[in-house]
Amino acid sequence: MRVEVLGGLERRRRWSQDDRVRIVEETLVPGAKVTEVARRNGVATSLVFTWRRQARTSEQVVPSFAPVQIVAVEETAKLLPAGDGRVRSVASARTGLIEIDLGNRRRIRVDAHVDPEALARVLEVLERR
């Protein structure tokens, strides 16, 4: 029986997480070109783009509170833009309007008279998508 051992470098290189982060950060510097950064580090350009995409999707979105100011309807004469481009007065605006931002350019607007059980079912279905 004959055994042959082939020497040489392995074609597939293993990149540490620190190296990936460093290379992706290099591409984010203003004026940096991904192809040049990839060439300088000996990485395929497509792999650097994959790492960049993974970094964007892995970022954790941290919920935060926004400041809110409540003003009586009589105290304001402002106009609110309607979702269809028209402008409506504050007096004709629905009371207790709640806007829920689901991300990915999706929003739900409900008023104070919404059925909480129906809203919960809608949110549950949207969460699965």
Protein backbone atom coordinates (compact mmCIF):
# COMPACT_ATOMS: atom_id res chain seq x y z
CA MET A 1 0.00 0.00 0.00
CA ARG A 2 1.29 3.44 -0.91
CA VAL A 3 0.43 6.69 0.92
CA GLU A 4 1.13 10.06 -0.63
CA VAL A 5 1.18 13.22 1.51
CA LEU A 6 0.56 16.45 -0.33
CA GLY A 7 2.16 19.53 1.16
CA GLY A 8 1.33 23.15 0.63
CA LEU A 9 -0.98 25.80 1.91
CA GLU A 10 -4.63 25.18 2.50
CA ARG A 11 -6.75 27.10 -0.04
CA ARG A 12 -9.43 27.98 2.47
CA ARG A 13 -8.26 30.49 5.00
CA ARG A 14 -9.89 30.90 8.40
CA TRP A 15 -10.45 34.51 9.46
CA SER A 16 -10.86 35.36 13.12
CA GLN A 17 -13.77 37.55 14.18
CA ASP A 18 -11.29 40.30 15.14
CA ASP A 19 -9.76 40.23 11.64
CA ARG A 20 -13.21 40.39 10.04
CA VAL A 21 -14.22 43.37 12.18
CA ARG A 22 -10.93 45.15 11.44
CA ILE A 23 -11.29 44.65 7.68
CA VAL A 24 -14.95 45.74 7.65
CA GLU A 25 -14.07 48.84 9.68
CA GLU A 26 -11.34 49.67 7.14
CA THR A 27 -13.99 49.69 4.40
CA LEU A 28 -16.16 52.13 6.37
CA VAL A 29 -13.52 54.87 6.42
CA PRO A 30 -14.60 57.75 4.14
CA GLY A 31 -12.97 57.36 0.73
CA ALA A 32 -12.00 53.70 1.27
CA LYS A 33 -12.59 51.28 -1.59
CA VAL A 34 -13.67 47.75 -0.71
CA THR A 35 -11.64 46.24 -3.55
CA GLU A 36 -8.44 47.94 -2.35
CA VAL A 37 -9.01 46.91 1.28
CA ALA A 38 -9.71 43.34 0.20
CA ARG A 39 -6.62 43.18 -2.02
CA ARG A 40 -4.39 44.67 0.72
CA ASN A 41 -5.60 42.02 3.22
CA GLY A 42 -5.60 39.09 0.79
CA VAL A 43 -9.36 38.57 0.94
CA ALA A 44 -11.83 38.07 -1.89
CA THR A 45 -13.88 41.22 -2.46
CA SER A 46 -17.13 39.24 -2.38
CA LEU A 47 -16.21 37.90 1.06
CA VAL A 48 -15.68 41.43 2.40
CA PHE A 49 -19.10 42.45 1.05
CA THR A 50 -20.60 39.38 2.78
CA TRP A 51 -18.97 40.36 6.07
CA ARG A 52 -20.31 43.92 5.70
CA ARG A 53 -23.84 42.61 5.09
CA GLN A 54 -23.59 40.27 8.09
CA ALA A 55 -22.37 43.15 10.27
CA ARG A 56 -25.38 45.26 9.26
CA THR A 57 -27.89 42.50 9.99
CA SER A 58 -26.29 41.44 13.27
CA GLU A 59 -26.42 44.90 14.83
CA GLN A 60 -28.80 44.85 17.74
CA VAL A 61 -31.52 47.48 17.64
CA VAL A 62 -31.94 48.79 21.15
CA PRO A 63 -35.39 50.15 21.96
CA SER A 64 -35.38 53.64 23.36
CA PHE A 65 -37.89 56.19 24.50
CA ALA A 66 -38.56 59.39 22.61
CA PRO A 67 -39.54 62.62 24.32
CA VAL A 68 -43.26 63.36 24.08
CA GLN A 69 -45.07 66.61 24.63
CA ILE A 70 -48.86 66.64 25.03
CA VAL A 71 -50.61 69.83 23.94
CA ALA A 72 -54.32 70.52 24.17
CA VAL A 73 -56.08 70.78 20.81
CA GLU A 74 -57.32 74.31 21.58
CA GLU A 75 -53.77 75.55 22.23
CA THR A 76 -52.44 74.78 18.80
CA ALA A 77 -53.28 75.99 15.33
CA LYS A 78 -50.85 73.68 13.56
CA LEU A 79 -51.74 71.41 10.69
CA LEU A 80 -50.81 67.74 10.60
CA PRO A 81 -49.81 66.03 7.34
CA ALA A 82 -52.04 63.09 6.50
CA GLY A 83 -50.46 59.88 5.24
CA ASP A 84 -51.77 60.46 1.68
CA GLY A 85 -50.07 63.86 1.26
CA ARG A 86 -53.10 65.95 2.25
CA VAL A 87 -53.06 68.23 5.28
CA ARG A 88 -55.67 68.02 8.00
CA SER A 89 -56.29 70.21 11.02
CA VAL A 90 -55.45 69.02 14.50
CA ALA A 91 -59.10 69.28 15.48
CA SER A 92 -60.05 66.67 12.88
CA ALA A 93 -57.20 64.35 13.86
CA ARG A 94 -58.28 61.10 15.51
CA THR A 95 -57.99 61.18 19.27
CA GLY A 96 -55.58 58.86 20.99
CA LEU A 97 -53.72 58.00 17.79
CA ILE A 98 -50.94 55.45 18.38
CA GLU A 99 -48.35 54.70 15.73
CA ILE A 100 -46.43 51.42 16.05
CA ASP A 101 -43.23 51.27 14.01
CA LEU A 102 -42.51 47.64 13.12
CA GLY A 103 -39.28 48.42 11.27
CA ASN A 104 -38.54 47.58 7.65
CA ARG A 105 -40.75 50.54 6.62
CA ARG A 106 -43.88 49.02 8.20
CA ARG A 107 -46.18 50.95 10.53
CA ILE A 108 -49.55 50.39 12.14
CA ARG A 109 -51.70 53.32 13.23
CA VAL A 110 -54.59 52.76 15.61
CA ASP A 111 -56.73 55.05 17.72
CA ALA A 112 -58.00 54.79 21.27
CA HIS A 113 -61.02 52.76 20.15
CA VAL A 114 -59.06 49.81 18.74
CA ASP A 115 -60.04 46.32 19.88
CA PRO A 116 -56.98 45.17 21.91
CA GLU A 117 -57.54 41.49 21.08
CA ALA A 118 -57.75 42.18 17.35
CA LEU A 119 -54.61 44.33 17.52
CA ALA A 120 -52.78 41.56 19.41
CA ARG A 121 -53.72 39.05 16.68
CA VAL A 122 -52.52 41.40 13.93
CA LEU A 123 -49.21 42.04 15.71
CA GLU A 124 -48.73 38.30 16.27
CA VAL A 125 -49.20 37.57 12.56
CA LEU A 126 -46.86 40.40 11.53
CA GLU A 127 -44.21 39.24 14.01
CA ARG A 128 -44.05 35.83 12.29
CA ARG A 129 -43.24 37.44 8.91
